[in-house]
Amino acid sequence: MTKDVVVEHGESSEAPLVAPVASGVGRAASVADVFLRFLAIVGTIASAIAMGTTNETLPFFTQFIQFEAKYSDLPSFTFFVAANAVVCTYLVLSIPLSIVHIVRPRARYSRLVLVFFDAAMLTLLTAGASAAAAIVYLAHKGNVRANWFAICQQFDSFCERISGSLIGSFAAMVLLIMLISLSAFALARRH
């Protein structure tokens, strides 16, 4: 006994019925990818600008003797600004490729490239934020054993800005982890 299957013009009898749903999930993941990239751009650029424009001058007894604190005095802060700028530039350059995934949700190799570079940028951002966080901790708490005094009691505006810049950078790290997970999910779903 055979069944006659009526196939309308433009349809194939071999097309799975689940394809539109799978394509919709892939497209939604790609839209989320672009959105997360924009949020990470905001976090990294805000962190770089906040740290890069941080300086504070305190007068000491007279106007002629002053103490100044600026981000470029510490190599860890300079590295932090550079790392955030590089990651922000990468994220901006990766958006067109991410948009391609909206149009072609089945693209696989370009998604692998994004996962690789996202992981590399996550590593760079983690290194920069960790180095800066160590210095921020010393600025707030000091180190009695090494005779390093906490400077945040005197340079409170400076410390508020450098602490705030870390928040944006750590938020961008979380977003990059989400991007990598989202891409891994999209790649695993196709197997």
N, C-alpha and C. Protein backbone atom coordinates (compact mmCIF):
# COMPACT_ATOMS: atom_id res chain seq x y z
N MET A 1 0.82 -1.17 0.00
CA MET A 1 0.00 0.00 0.00
C MET A 1 0.87 1.24 0.00
N THR A 2 0.64 2.07 -0.92
CA THR A 2 1.41 3.29 -0.98
C THR A 2 0.49 4.48 -0.80
N LYS A 3 1.05 5.49 -0.20
CA LYS A 3 0.28 6.71 0.00
C LYS A 3 0.72 7.72 -1.04
N ASP A 4 -0.22 8.39 -1.58
CA ASP A 4 0.10 9.47 -2.50
C ASP A 4 0.24 10.75 -1.69
N VAL A 5 1.35 11.38 -1.86
CA VAL A 5 1.60 12.63 -1.15
C VAL A 5 1.48 13.76 -2.15
N VAL A 6 0.66 14.69 -1.82
CA VAL A 6 0.48 15.84 -2.70
C VAL A 6 1.48 16.91 -2.27
N VAL A 7 2.31 17.28 -3.23
CA VAL A 7 3.31 18.32 -2.97
C VAL A 7 2.93 19.53 -3.79
N GLU A 8 2.76 20.65 -3.11
CA GLU A 8 2.41 21.87 -3.81
C GLU A 8 3.63 22.44 -4.49
N HIS A 9 3.38 23.32 -5.44
CA HIS A 9 4.45 23.96 -6.18
C HIS A 9 5.37 24.73 -5.22
N GLY A 10 6.68 24.49 -5.31
CA GLY A 10 7.65 25.19 -4.48
C GLY A 10 7.99 24.46 -3.20
N GLU A 11 7.35 23.34 -2.93
CA GLU A 11 7.64 22.58 -1.72
C GLU A 11 8.36 21.30 -2.09
N SER A 12 9.06 20.77 -1.15
CA SER A 12 9.74 19.51 -1.34
C SER A 12 9.21 18.53 -0.32
N SER A 13 9.06 17.31 -0.73
CA SER A 13 8.56 16.31 0.21
C SER A 13 9.62 15.91 1.23
N GLU A 14 10.88 16.28 0.98
CA GLU A 14 11.98 15.93 1.88
C GLU A 14 12.27 17.03 2.89
N ALA A 15 11.64 18.15 2.81
CA ALA A 15 11.90 19.27 3.72
C ALA A 15 11.34 18.95 5.10
N PRO A 16 12.17 19.07 6.13
CA PRO A 16 11.68 18.80 7.47
C PRO A 16 10.74 19.90 7.94
N LEU A 17 9.79 19.50 8.74
CA LEU A 17 8.82 20.47 9.24
C LEU A 17 9.39 21.34 10.34
N VAL A 18 10.54 20.97 10.92
CA VAL A 18 11.13 21.69 12.04
C VAL A 18 12.08 22.78 11.58
N ALA A 19 12.44 22.83 10.32
CA ALA A 19 13.44 23.76 9.81
C ALA A 19 13.12 25.22 10.12
N PRO A 20 11.87 25.69 9.92
CA PRO A 20 11.61 27.09 10.24
C PRO A 20 11.82 27.42 11.71
N VAL A 21 11.49 26.48 12.59
CA VAL A 21 11.68 26.73 14.02
C VAL A 21 13.16 26.80 14.35
N ALA A 22 13.95 25.86 13.82
CA ALA A 22 15.40 25.86 14.06
C ALA A 22 16.04 27.11 13.50
N SER A 23 15.59 27.52 12.32
CA SER A 23 16.11 28.74 11.72
C SER A 23 15.76 29.94 12.57
N GLY A 24 14.57 29.96 13.16
CA GLY A 24 14.16 31.07 14.01
C GLY A 24 14.98 31.15 15.28
N VAL A 25 15.31 29.98 15.85
CA VAL A 25 16.16 29.96 17.05
C VAL A 25 17.55 30.48 16.72
N GLY A 26 18.09 30.06 15.57
CA GLY A 26 19.41 30.54 15.15
C GLY A 26 19.42 32.03 14.90
N ARG A 27 18.35 32.51 14.30
CA ARG A 27 18.24 33.95 14.03
C ARG A 27 18.12 34.73 15.34
N ALA A 28 17.36 34.21 16.30
CA ALA A 28 17.22 34.88 17.60
C ALA A 28 18.55 34.91 18.34
N ALA A 29 19.30 33.82 18.25
CA ALA A 29 20.63 33.78 18.88
C ALA A 29 21.57 34.79 18.22
N SER A 30 21.45 34.95 16.92
CA SER A 30 22.30 35.90 16.20
C SER A 30 21.93 37.35 16.55
N VAL A 31 20.64 37.61 16.72
CA VAL A 31 20.21 38.96 17.13
C VAL A 31 20.71 39.24 18.55
N ALA A 32 20.61 38.25 19.42
CA ALA A 32 21.12 38.42 20.79
C ALA A 32 22.63 38.65 20.77
N ASP A 33 23.33 37.99 19.86
CA ASP A 33 24.78 38.17 19.71
C ASP A 33 25.13 39.62 19.39
N VAL A 34 24.41 40.19 18.42
CA VAL A 34 24.66 41.59 18.04
C VAL A 34 24.35 42.52 19.21
N PHE A 35 23.25 42.29 19.90
CA PHE A 35 22.86 43.12 21.03
C PHE A 35 23.92 43.05 22.15
N LEU A 36 24.40 41.85 22.46
CA LEU A 36 25.42 41.69 23.50
C LEU A 36 26.73 42.37 23.10
N ARG A 37 27.05 42.33 21.81
CA ARG A 37 28.26 43.02 21.34
C ARG A 37 28.15 44.53 21.54
N PHE A 38 26.98 45.08 21.25
CA PHE A 38 26.79 46.52 21.47
C PHE A 38 26.91 46.87 22.96
N LEU A 39 26.35 46.05 23.82
CA LEU A 39 26.48 46.30 25.26
C LEU A 39 27.94 46.21 25.71
N ALA A 40 28.68 45.24 25.19
CA ALA A 40 30.09 45.09 25.54
C ALA A 40 30.91 46.28 25.02
N ILE A 41 30.54 46.81 23.86
CA ILE A 41 31.22 48.00 23.33
C ILE A 41 31.03 49.16 24.29
N VAL A 42 29.81 49.34 24.77
CA VAL A 42 29.53 50.43 25.71
C VAL A 42 30.36 50.26 26.98
N GLY A 43 30.42 49.03 27.50
CA GLY A 43 31.19 48.79 28.72
C GLY A 43 32.67 49.05 28.56
N THR A 44 33.25 48.59 27.45
CA THR A 44 34.70 48.76 27.27
C THR A 44 35.07 50.21 26.95
N ILE A 45 34.28 50.87 26.13
CA ILE A 45 34.62 52.25 25.80
C ILE A 45 34.42 53.16 27.01
N ALA A 46 33.38 52.91 27.79
CA ALA A 46 33.16 53.71 29.00
C ALA A 46 34.29 53.50 30.00
N SER A 47 34.75 52.27 30.13
CA SER A 47 35.86 51.98 31.04
C SER A 47 37.14 52.65 30.59
N ALA A 48 37.42 52.56 29.30
CA ALA A 48 38.65 53.18 28.78
C ALA A 48 38.61 54.70 28.94
N ILE A 49 37.47 55.30 28.66
CA ILE A 49 37.36 56.76 28.79
C ILE A 49 37.43 57.18 30.25
N ALA A 50 36.72 56.46 31.12
CA ALA A 50 36.73 56.83 32.54
C ALA A 50 38.14 56.74 33.12
N MET A 51 38.86 55.67 32.80
CA MET A 51 40.21 55.53 33.33
C MET A 51 41.17 56.50 32.66
N GLY A 52 41.04 56.67 31.34
CA GLY A 52 41.96 57.52 30.60
C GLY A 52 41.84 59.00 30.90
N THR A 53 40.73 59.42 31.45
CA THR A 53 40.56 60.85 31.77
C THR A 53 40.64 61.11 33.27
N THR A 54 41.14 60.13 34.02
CA THR A 54 41.20 60.27 35.47
C THR A 54 42.50 60.93 35.90
N ASN A 55 42.36 62.03 36.61
CA ASN A 55 43.50 62.65 37.29
C ASN A 55 42.96 63.58 38.37
N GLU A 56 43.76 63.77 39.38
CA GLU A 56 43.37 64.65 40.48
C GLU A 56 44.62 65.28 41.06
N THR A 57 44.54 66.57 41.35
CA THR A 57 45.67 67.31 41.92
C THR A 57 45.27 67.83 43.29
N LEU A 58 46.15 67.60 44.25
CA LEU A 58 45.92 68.08 45.62
C LEU A 58 47.03 69.06 46.00
N PRO A 59 46.65 70.24 46.50
CA PRO A 59 47.68 71.17 46.98
C PRO A 59 48.26 70.66 48.31
N PHE A 60 49.55 70.90 48.50
CA PHE A 60 50.22 70.49 49.72
C PHE A 60 50.86 71.72 50.33
N PHE A 61 50.35 72.22 51.40
CA PHE A 61 50.77 73.42 52.12
C PHE A 61 50.63 74.68 51.28
N THR A 62 51.21 74.72 50.11
CA THR A 62 51.14 75.93 49.28
C THR A 62 50.67 75.54 47.88
N GLN A 63 50.43 76.53 47.07
CA GLN A 63 50.02 76.28 45.70
C GLN A 63 51.18 75.78 44.85
N PHE A 64 52.43 76.03 45.27
CA PHE A 64 53.59 75.66 44.46
C PHE A 64 53.96 74.19 44.61
N ILE A 65 53.58 73.59 45.71
CA ILE A 65 53.85 72.17 45.92
C ILE A 65 52.52 71.44 45.85
N GLN A 66 52.40 70.55 44.86
CA GLN A 66 51.15 69.83 44.65
C GLN A 66 51.44 68.36 44.40
N PHE A 67 50.48 67.54 44.79
CA PHE A 67 50.54 66.12 44.48
C PHE A 67 49.51 65.84 43.40
N GLU A 68 49.92 65.05 42.43
CA GLU A 68 49.03 64.73 41.34
C GLU A 68 48.92 63.21 41.18
N ALA A 69 47.72 62.75 40.97
CA ALA A 69 47.48 61.34 40.68
C ALA A 69 46.80 61.26 39.33
N LYS A 70 47.40 60.52 38.40
CA LYS A 70 46.78 60.31 37.10
C LYS A 70 47.03 58.88 36.65
N TYR A 71 46.17 58.41 35.77
CA TYR A 71 46.21 57.00 35.39
C TYR A 71 47.54 56.62 34.73
N SER A 72 48.15 57.54 34.00
CA SER A 72 49.38 57.21 33.27
C SER A 72 50.59 57.05 34.18
N ASP A 73 50.45 57.37 35.46
CA ASP A 73 51.55 57.15 36.40
C ASP A 73 51.76 55.67 36.70
N LEU A 74 50.74 54.87 36.48
CA LEU A 74 50.81 53.44 36.80
C LEU A 74 50.67 52.61 35.53
N PRO A 75 51.66 51.77 35.23
CA PRO A 75 51.60 50.95 34.01
C PRO A 75 50.39 50.02 33.96
N SER A 76 49.91 49.58 35.10
CA SER A 76 48.73 48.70 35.12
C SER A 76 47.50 49.42 34.59
N PHE A 77 47.36 50.70 34.93
CA PHE A 77 46.23 51.47 34.43
C PHE A 77 46.37 51.75 32.94
N THR A 78 47.59 52.00 32.49
CA THR A 78 47.83 52.21 31.06
C THR A 78 47.49 50.95 30.28
N PHE A 79 47.89 49.79 30.81
CA PHE A 79 47.55 48.52 30.18
C PHE A 79 46.04 48.31 30.17
N PHE A 80 45.38 48.69 31.24
CA PHE A 80 43.93 48.57 31.34
C PHE A 80 43.24 49.38 30.24
N VAL A 81 43.68 50.62 30.04
CA VAL A 81 43.09 51.47 29.01
C VAL A 81 43.35 50.87 27.63
N ALA A 82 44.58 50.41 27.39
CA ALA A 82 44.92 49.83 26.09
C ALA A 82 44.12 48.55 25.84
N ALA A 83 43.99 47.70 26.84
CA ALA A 83 43.24 46.45 26.68
C ALA A 83 41.78 46.73 26.38
N ASN A 84 41.17 47.68 27.08
CA ASN A 84 39.77 48.03 26.82
C ASN A 84 39.61 48.64 25.43
N ALA A 85 40.57 49.44 25.00
CA ALA A 85 40.49 50.04 23.67
C ALA A 85 40.61 48.98 22.58
N VAL A 86 41.51 48.02 22.76
CA VAL A 86 41.68 46.95 21.77
C VAL A 86 40.42 46.09 21.70
N VAL A 87 39.87 45.72 22.84
CA VAL A 87 38.67 44.89 22.87
C VAL A 87 37.49 45.65 22.27
N CYS A 88 37.38 46.92 22.56
CA CYS A 88 36.30 47.73 21.99
C CYS A 88 36.42 47.79 20.46
N THR A 89 37.64 48.00 19.97
CA THR A 89 37.87 48.04 18.53
C THR A 89 37.51 46.70 17.89
N TYR A 90 37.93 45.60 18.52
CA TYR A 90 37.57 44.28 18.01
C TYR A 90 36.06 44.09 17.95
N LEU A 91 35.37 44.49 19.01
CA LEU A 91 33.92 44.32 19.06
C LEU A 91 33.23 45.11 17.95
N VAL A 92 33.71 46.31 17.70
CA VAL A 92 33.14 47.12 16.62
C VAL A 92 33.38 46.44 15.27
N LEU A 93 34.59 45.91 15.07
CA LEU A 93 34.91 45.25 13.80
C LEU A 93 34.19 43.91 13.64
N SER A 94 33.79 43.29 14.74
CA SER A 94 33.13 41.99 14.66
C SER A 94 31.62 42.10 14.42
N ILE A 95 31.07 43.27 14.55
CA ILE A 95 29.62 43.43 14.36
C ILE A 95 29.16 43.06 12.95
N PRO A 96 29.87 43.47 11.87
CA PRO A 96 29.40 43.03 10.54
C PRO A 96 29.34 41.50 10.39
N LEU A 97 30.32 40.82 10.93
CA LEU A 97 30.30 39.36 10.87
C LEU A 97 29.15 38.79 11.70
N SER A 98 28.88 39.43 12.80
CA SER A 98 27.76 39.01 13.63
C SER A 98 26.43 39.27 12.93
N ILE A 99 26.33 40.33 12.17
CA ILE A 99 25.12 40.62 11.41
C ILE A 99 24.93 39.60 10.29
N VAL A 100 26.03 39.12 9.73
CA VAL A 100 25.94 38.07 8.71
C VAL A 100 25.22 36.85 9.28
N HIS A 101 25.42 36.57 10.56
CA HIS A 101 24.77 35.42 11.17
C HIS A 101 23.26 35.59 11.32
N ILE A 102 22.79 36.82 11.30
CA ILE A 102 21.34 37.05 11.30
C ILE A 102 20.78 36.64 9.94
N VAL A 103 21.50 37.03 8.88
CA VAL A 103 21.05 36.72 7.53
C VAL A 103 21.24 35.24 7.21
N ARG A 104 22.37 34.69 7.65
CA ARG A 104 22.68 33.29 7.39
C ARG A 104 22.94 32.57 8.72
N PRO A 105 21.90 32.17 9.42
CA PRO A 105 22.06 31.57 10.74
C PRO A 105 22.81 30.24 10.73
N ARG A 106 22.94 29.62 9.58
CA ARG A 106 23.62 28.34 9.49
C ARG A 106 25.13 28.49 9.29
N ALA A 107 25.63 29.71 9.13
CA ALA A 107 27.07 29.93 8.92
C ALA A 107 27.83 29.36 10.11
N ARG A 108 28.78 28.51 9.82
CA ARG A 108 29.45 27.77 10.89
C ARG A 108 30.89 28.22 11.12
N TYR A 109 31.66 28.34 10.04
CA TYR A 109 33.07 28.66 10.19
C TYR A 109 33.29 30.09 10.67
N SER A 110 32.45 31.00 10.23
CA SER A 110 32.58 32.38 10.71
C SER A 110 32.23 32.47 12.20
N ARG A 111 31.32 31.62 12.65
CA ARG A 111 30.99 31.59 14.08
C ARG A 111 32.16 31.01 14.88
N LEU A 112 32.85 30.04 14.30
CA LEU A 112 34.05 29.49 14.96
C LEU A 112 35.14 30.56 15.09
N VAL A 113 35.28 31.37 14.05
CA VAL A 113 36.25 32.47 14.09
C VAL A 113 35.89 33.44 15.20
N LEU A 114 34.60 33.77 15.32
CA LEU A 114 34.16 34.68 16.38
C LEU A 114 34.41 34.08 17.77
N VAL A 115 34.16 32.79 17.93
CA VAL A 115 34.41 32.15 19.23
C VAL A 115 35.89 32.25 19.58
N PHE A 116 36.75 31.99 18.62
CA PHE A 116 38.19 32.04 18.86
C PHE A 116 38.63 33.45 19.27
N PHE A 117 38.23 34.45 18.50
CA PHE A 117 38.65 35.82 18.81
C PHE A 117 37.95 36.38 20.04
N ASP A 118 36.70 35.98 20.28
CA ASP A 118 36.02 36.39 21.51
C ASP A 118 36.78 35.86 22.73
N ALA A 119 37.25 34.62 22.65
CA ALA A 119 38.01 34.04 23.77
C ALA A 119 39.34 34.77 23.96
N ALA A 120 39.99 35.12 22.86
CA ALA A 120 41.25 35.87 22.96
C ALA A 120 41.02 37.25 23.58
N MET A 121 39.94 37.92 23.17
CA MET A 121 39.63 39.25 23.73
C MET A 121 39.20 39.15 25.19
N LEU A 122 38.52 38.08 25.55
CA LEU A 122 38.17 37.86 26.95
C LEU A 122 39.43 37.72 27.80
N THR A 123 40.41 37.02 27.27
CA THR A 123 41.68 36.85 27.99
C THR A 123 42.39 38.19 28.16
N LEU A 124 42.44 38.98 27.11
CA LEU A 124 43.09 40.29 27.19
C LEU A 124 42.36 41.20 28.16
N LEU A 125 41.05 41.22 28.09
CA LEU A 125 40.26 42.08 28.98
C LEU A 125 40.40 41.64 30.44
N THR A 126 40.44 40.33 30.66
CA THR A 126 40.62 39.81 32.02
C THR A 126 41.97 40.21 32.58
N ALA A 127 43.00 40.13 31.74
CA ALA A 127 44.35 40.52 32.20
C ALA A 127 44.40 42.00 32.56
N GLY A 128 43.83 42.85 31.71
CA GLY A 128 43.84 44.28 31.99
C GLY A 128 43.04 44.65 33.22
N ALA A 129 41.85 44.07 33.34
CA ALA A 129 41.00 44.38 34.49
C ALA A 129 41.59 43.84 35.78
N SER A 130 42.22 42.69 35.73
CA SER A 130 42.83 42.12 36.93
C SER A 130 44.02 42.95 37.41
N ALA A 131 44.84 43.38 36.47
CA ALA A 131 45.98 44.21 36.83
C ALA A 131 45.52 45.53 37.45
N ALA A 132 44.51 46.13 36.86
CA ALA A 132 43.98 47.39 37.40
C ALA A 132 43.30 47.17 38.74
N ALA A 133 42.60 46.05 38.89
CA ALA A 133 41.90 45.77 40.15
C ALA A 133 42.89 45.61 41.30
N ALA A 134 44.05 45.04 41.03
CA ALA A 134 45.07 44.90 42.08
C ALA A 134 45.55 46.27 42.55
N ILE A 135 45.75 47.19 41.63
CA ILE A 135 46.20 48.53 42.00
C ILE A 135 45.09 49.30 42.70
N VAL A 136 43.86 49.13 42.24
CA VAL A 136 42.73 49.80 42.90
C VAL A 136 42.59 49.30 44.33
N TYR A 137 42.79 48.01 44.53
CA TYR A 137 42.73 47.46 45.89
C TYR A 137 43.81 48.10 46.77
N LEU A 138 45.03 48.22 46.23
CA LEU A 138 46.10 48.86 47.00
C LEU A 138 45.80 50.34 47.27
N ALA A 139 45.18 51.00 46.30
CA ALA A 139 44.83 52.41 46.51
C ALA A 139 43.81 52.57 47.62
N HIS A 140 42.89 51.62 47.73
CA HIS A 140 41.86 51.69 48.77
C HIS A 140 42.37 51.19 50.13
N LYS A 141 43.09 50.10 50.13
CA LYS A 141 43.48 49.46 51.39
C LYS A 141 44.93 49.68 51.79
N GLY A 142 45.81 49.88 50.81
CA GLY A 142 47.23 49.99 51.10
C GLY A 142 47.80 48.62 51.46
N ASN A 143 49.08 48.62 51.85
CA ASN A 143 49.74 47.40 52.30
C ASN A 143 50.71 47.79 53.40
N VAL A 144 50.36 47.46 54.61
CA VAL A 144 51.16 47.86 55.77
C VAL A 144 52.54 47.23 55.73
N ARG A 145 52.63 45.97 55.35
CA ARG A 145 53.92 45.27 55.32
C ARG A 145 54.90 45.90 54.33
N ALA A 146 54.39 46.40 53.21
CA ALA A 146 55.26 47.01 52.21
C ALA A 146 55.37 48.53 52.38
N ASN A 147 54.74 49.08 53.40
CA ASN A 147 54.72 50.54 53.63
C ASN A 147 54.07 51.30 52.48
N TRP A 148 53.07 50.71 51.88
CA TRP A 148 52.29 51.40 50.86
C TRP A 148 51.02 51.88 51.52
N PHE A 149 50.83 53.18 51.50
CA PHE A 149 49.68 53.76 52.18
C PHE A 149 48.49 53.86 51.23
N ALA A 150 47.32 53.76 51.80
CA ALA A 150 46.09 53.93 51.02
C ALA A 150 45.98 55.40 50.62
N ILE A 151 45.80 55.66 49.34
CA ILE A 151 45.74 57.05 48.87
C ILE A 151 44.31 57.53 48.66
N CYS A 152 43.35 56.64 48.81
CA CYS A 152 41.96 57.02 48.50
C CYS A 152 41.36 57.97 49.52
N GLN A 153 41.97 58.09 50.68
CA GLN A 153 41.47 59.06 51.64
C GLN A 153 41.78 60.48 51.19
N GLN A 154 42.88 60.64 50.45
CA GLN A 154 43.25 61.96 49.94
C GLN A 154 42.71 62.19 48.52
N PHE A 155 42.86 61.19 47.66
CA PHE A 155 42.46 61.30 46.27
C PHE A 155 41.13 60.57 46.05
N ASP A 156 40.08 61.06 46.69
CA ASP A 156 38.80 60.35 46.64
C ASP A 156 38.15 60.38 45.25
N SER A 157 38.23 61.48 44.53
CA SER A 157 37.66 61.56 43.19
C SER A 157 38.39 60.62 42.23
N PHE A 158 39.70 60.59 42.35
CA PHE A 158 40.52 59.69 41.54
C PHE A 158 40.12 58.23 41.78
N CYS A 159 39.98 57.87 43.03
CA CYS A 159 39.64 56.49 43.39
C CYS A 159 38.24 56.11 42.96
N GLU A 160 37.30 57.04 43.04
CA GLU A 160 35.94 56.74 42.60
C GLU A 160 35.89 56.45 41.11
N ARG A 161 36.64 57.22 40.34
CA ARG A 161 36.62 57.02 38.88
C ARG A 161 37.32 55.72 38.48
N ILE A 162 38.46 55.42 39.11
CA ILE A 162 39.14 54.18 38.72
C ILE A 162 38.35 52.96 39.16
N SER A 163 37.68 53.07 40.29
CA SER A 163 36.82 51.95 40.73
C SER A 163 35.63 51.79 39.80
N GLY A 164 35.04 52.89 39.38
CA GLY A 164 33.91 52.84 38.46
C GLY A 164 34.29 52.28 37.09
N SER A 165 35.50 52.58 36.65
CA SER A 165 35.92 52.07 35.34
C SER A 165 36.07 50.55 35.36
N LEU A 166 36.39 50.00 36.52
CA LEU A 166 36.50 48.55 36.64
C LEU A 166 35.14 47.87 36.47
N ILE A 167 34.09 48.53 36.91
CA ILE A 167 32.75 47.95 36.81
C ILE A 167 32.37 47.70 35.35
N GLY A 168 32.61 48.69 34.50
CA GLY A 168 32.31 48.52 33.08
C GLY A 168 33.12 47.43 32.43
N SER A 169 34.37 47.32 32.83
CA SER A 169 35.24 46.30 32.26
C SER A 169 34.82 44.90 32.69
N PHE A 170 34.49 44.74 33.97
CA PHE A 170 34.05 43.42 34.44
C PHE A 170 32.68 43.06 33.85
N ALA A 171 31.83 44.04 33.63
CA ALA A 171 30.55 43.77 32.96
C ALA A 171 30.79 43.31 31.52
N ALA A 172 31.75 43.94 30.83
CA ALA A 172 32.09 43.51 29.47
C ALA A 172 32.66 42.10 29.46
N MET A 173 33.39 41.73 30.51
CA MET A 173 33.90 40.36 30.60
C MET A 173 32.75 39.37 30.69
N VAL A 174 31.76 39.68 31.50
CA VAL A 174 30.58 38.80 31.62
C VAL A 174 29.86 38.71 30.28
N LEU A 175 29.75 39.83 29.58
CA LEU A 175 29.09 39.82 28.27
C LEU A 175 29.87 38.98 27.26
N LEU A 176 31.20 39.04 27.30
CA LEU A 176 32.00 38.21 26.41
C LEU A 176 31.83 36.73 26.73
N ILE A 177 31.72 36.40 28.00
CA ILE A 177 31.46 35.00 28.38
C ILE A 177 30.10 34.57 27.83
N MET A 178 29.12 35.45 27.90
CA MET A 178 27.80 35.13 27.36
C MET A 178 27.86 34.97 25.84
N LEU A 179 28.66 35.81 25.16
CA LEU A 179 28.81 35.69 23.71
C LEU A 179 29.43 34.36 23.32
N ILE A 180 30.46 33.96 24.05
CA ILE A 180 31.11 32.68 23.75
C ILE A 180 30.15 31.53 23.99
N SER A 181 29.41 31.60 25.08
CA SER A 181 28.43 30.55 25.38
C SER A 181 27.33 30.49 24.33
N LEU A 182 26.87 31.65 23.89
CA LEU A 182 25.82 31.72 22.88
C LEU A 182 26.31 31.13 21.56
N SER A 183 27.54 31.46 21.17
CA SER A 183 28.09 30.90 19.93
C SER A 183 28.31 29.40 20.05
N ALA A 184 28.77 28.96 21.20
CA ALA A 184 28.96 27.51 21.43
C ALA A 184 27.62 26.79 21.36
N PHE A 185 26.59 27.39 21.92
CA PHE A 185 25.24 26.82 21.85
C PHE A 185 24.77 26.73 20.39
N ALA A 186 24.99 27.80 19.65
CA ALA A 186 24.56 27.81 18.25
C ALA A 186 25.32 26.77 17.42
N LEU A 187 26.60 26.60 17.71
CA LEU A 187 27.38 25.59 17.00
C LEU A 187 26.97 24.17 17.40
N ALA A 188 26.72 23.95 18.66
CA ALA A 188 26.37 22.61 19.15
C ALA A 188 24.98 22.19 18.68
N ARG A 189 24.10 23.13 18.51
CA ARG A 189 22.74 22.86 18.09
C ARG A 189 22.69 22.32 16.67
N ARG A 190 23.70 22.60 15.87
CA ARG A 190 23.71 22.17 14.47
C ARG A 190 24.21 20.76 14.28
N HIS A 191 24.71 20.14 15.33
CA HIS A 191 25.25 18.78 15.17
C HIS A 191 24.22 17.74 15.48
